[in-house]
Each structure stands twice: as structure tokens, then as C-alpha cells.
Amino acid sequence: SWESYLADREKRFADVSEEVFPGLF
């Protein structure tokens, strides 16, 4: 569904952000 797609994209963005900016989030 659209909501699960957004939630998954948000989660993946958070995972990538933690890798790129460790300690920022």
C-alpha cells in the first residue's frame, strides 16, 4: 500500500542517514 511504501522509504532514509551522518540522528 501507499502508506507502507512511505514507511519503508522513511525507514531506509533513516538507515542511510545514520551511515552517512553517524551520531547525527
PDB file of N, CA and C in Angstrom:
ATOM      1  N   SER A   1       0.839  -1.205   0.000  1.00  0.00           N
ATOM      2  CA  SER A   1       0.000   0.000   0.000  1.00  0.00           C
ATOM      3  C   SER A   1       0.870   1.250   0.000  1.00  0.00           C
ATOM      4  N   TRP A   2       0.246   2.386  -0.251  1.00  0.00           N
ATOM      5  CA  TRP A   2       0.986   3.639  -0.302  1.00  0.00           C
ATOM      6  C   TRP A   2       1.606   3.962   1.057  1.00  0.00           C
ATOM      7  N   GLU A   3       0.849   3.690   2.146  1.00  0.00           N
ATOM      8  CA  GLU A   3       1.353   4.018   3.480  1.00  0.00           C
ATOM      9  C   GLU A   3       2.562   3.165   3.834  1.00  0.00           C
ATOM     10  N   SER A   4       2.496   1.884   3.485  1.00  0.00           N
ATOM     11  CA  SER A   4       3.636   1.020   3.803  1.00  0.00           C
ATOM     12  C   SER A   4       4.838   1.398   2.950  1.00  0.00           C
ATOM     13  N   TYR A   5       4.580   1.869   1.734  1.00  0.00           N
ATOM     14  CA  TYR A   5       5.683   2.320   0.878  1.00  0.00           C
ATOM     15  C   TYR A   5       6.372   3.533   1.504  1.00  0.00           C
ATOM     16  N   LEU A   6       5.578   4.478   1.985  1.00  0.00           N
ATOM     17  CA  LEU A   6       6.160   5.663   2.604  1.00  0.00           C
ATOM     18  C   LEU A   6       6.922   5.291   3.873  1.00  0.00           C
ATOM     19  N   ALA A   7       6.350   4.399   4.671  1.00  0.00           N
ATOM     20  CA  ALA A   7       7.009   3.998   5.909  1.00  0.00           C
ATOM     21  C   ALA A   7       8.328   3.302   5.606  1.00  0.00           C
ATOM     22  N   ASP A   8       8.336   2.446   4.581  1.00  0.00           N
ATOM     23  CA  ASP A   8       9.566   1.737   4.229  1.00  0.00           C
ATOM     24  C   ASP A   8      10.604   2.716   3.701  1.00  0.00           C
ATOM     25  N   ARG A   9      10.162   3.669   2.900  1.00  0.00           N
ATOM     26  CA  ARG A   9      11.103   4.656   2.359  1.00  0.00           C
ATOM     27  C   ARG A   9      11.675   5.509   3.489  1.00  0.00           C
ATOM     28  N   GLU A  10      10.819   5.859   4.451  1.00  0.00           N
ATOM     29  CA  GLU A  10      11.286   6.657   5.577  1.00  0.00           C
ATOM     30  C   GLU A  10      12.324   5.882   6.385  1.00  0.00           C
ATOM     31  N   LYS A  11      12.048   4.584   6.581  1.00  0.00           N
ATOM     32  CA  LYS A  11      12.974   3.768   7.364  1.00  0.00           C
ATOM     33  C   LYS A  11      14.310   3.649   6.644  1.00  0.00           C
ATOM     34  N   ARG A  12      14.249   3.435   5.316  1.00  0.00           N
ATOM     35  CA  ARG A  12      15.504   3.295   4.583  1.00  0.00           C
ATOM     36  C   ARG A  12      16.278   4.609   4.572  1.00  0.00           C
ATOM     37  N   PHE A  13      15.577   5.727   4.488  1.00  0.00           N
ATOM     38  CA  PHE A  13      16.246   7.019   4.524  1.00  0.00           C
ATOM     39  C   PHE A  13      16.946   7.215   5.870  1.00  0.00           C
ATOM     40  N   ALA A  14      16.275   6.791   6.950  1.00  0.00           N
ATOM     41  CA  ALA A  14      16.877   6.916   8.273  1.00  0.00           C
ATOM     42  C   ALA A  14      18.121   6.040   8.375  1.00  0.00           C
ATOM     43  N   ASP A  15      18.049   4.823   7.821  1.00  0.00           N
ATOM     44  CA  ASP A  15      19.206   3.928   7.865  1.00  0.00           C
ATOM     45  C   ASP A  15      20.368   4.533   7.097  1.00  0.00           C
ATOM     46  N   VAL A  16      20.092   5.085   5.932  1.00  0.00           N
ATOM     47  CA  VAL A  16      21.153   5.692   5.127  1.00  0.00           C
ATOM     48  C   VAL A  16      21.715   6.914   5.843  1.00  0.00           C
ATOM     49  N   SER A  17      20.859   7.703   6.463  1.00  0.00           N
ATOM     50  CA  SER A  17      21.321   8.900   7.152  1.00  0.00           C
ATOM     51  C   SER A  17      22.255   8.529   8.294  1.00  0.00           C
ATOM     52  N   GLU A  18      21.953   7.436   8.995  1.00  0.00           N
ATOM     53  CA  GLU A  18      22.814   7.016  10.094  1.00  0.00           C
ATOM     54  C   GLU A  18      24.184   6.613   9.575  1.00  0.00           C
ATOM     55  N   GLU A  19      24.222   6.030   8.371  1.00  0.00           N
ATOM     56  CA  GLU A  19      25.507   5.635   7.801  1.00  0.00           C
ATOM     57  C   GLU A  19      26.291   6.854   7.332  1.00  0.00           C
ATOM     58  N   VAL A  20      25.581   7.813   6.725  1.00  0.00           N
ATOM     59  CA  VAL A  20      26.257   8.980   6.161  1.00  0.00           C
ATOM     60  C   VAL A  20      26.617   9.974   7.265  1.00  0.00           C
ATOM     61  N   PHE A  21      25.705  10.166   8.210  1.00  0.00           N
ATOM     62  CA  PHE A  21      25.941  11.109   9.298  1.00  0.00           C
ATOM     63  C   PHE A  21      25.867  10.383  10.638  1.00  0.00           C
ATOM     64  N   PRO A  22      26.874   9.592  10.988  1.00  0.00           N
ATOM     65  CA  PRO A  22      26.825   8.843  12.248  1.00  0.00           C
ATOM     66  C   PRO A  22      26.751   9.791  13.446  1.00  0.00           C
ATOM     67  N   GLY A  23      25.826   9.496  14.348  1.00  0.00           N
ATOM     68  CA  GLY A  23      25.697  10.290  15.556  1.00  0.00           C
ATOM     69  C   GLY A  23      24.777  11.489  15.402  1.00  0.00           C
ATOM     70  N   LEU A  24      24.387  11.812  14.168  1.00  0.00           N
ATOM     71  CA  LEU A  24      23.551  12.990  13.970  1.00  0.00           C
ATOM     72  C   LEU A  24      22.101  12.701  14.331  1.00  0.00           C
ATOM     73  N   PHE A  25      21.664  11.451  14.100  1.00  0.00           N
ATOM     74  CA  PHE A  25      20.271  11.106  14.385  1.00  0.00           C
ATOM     75  C   PHE A  25      20.185  10.258  15.641  1.00  0.00           C
TER      76      PHE A  25
END
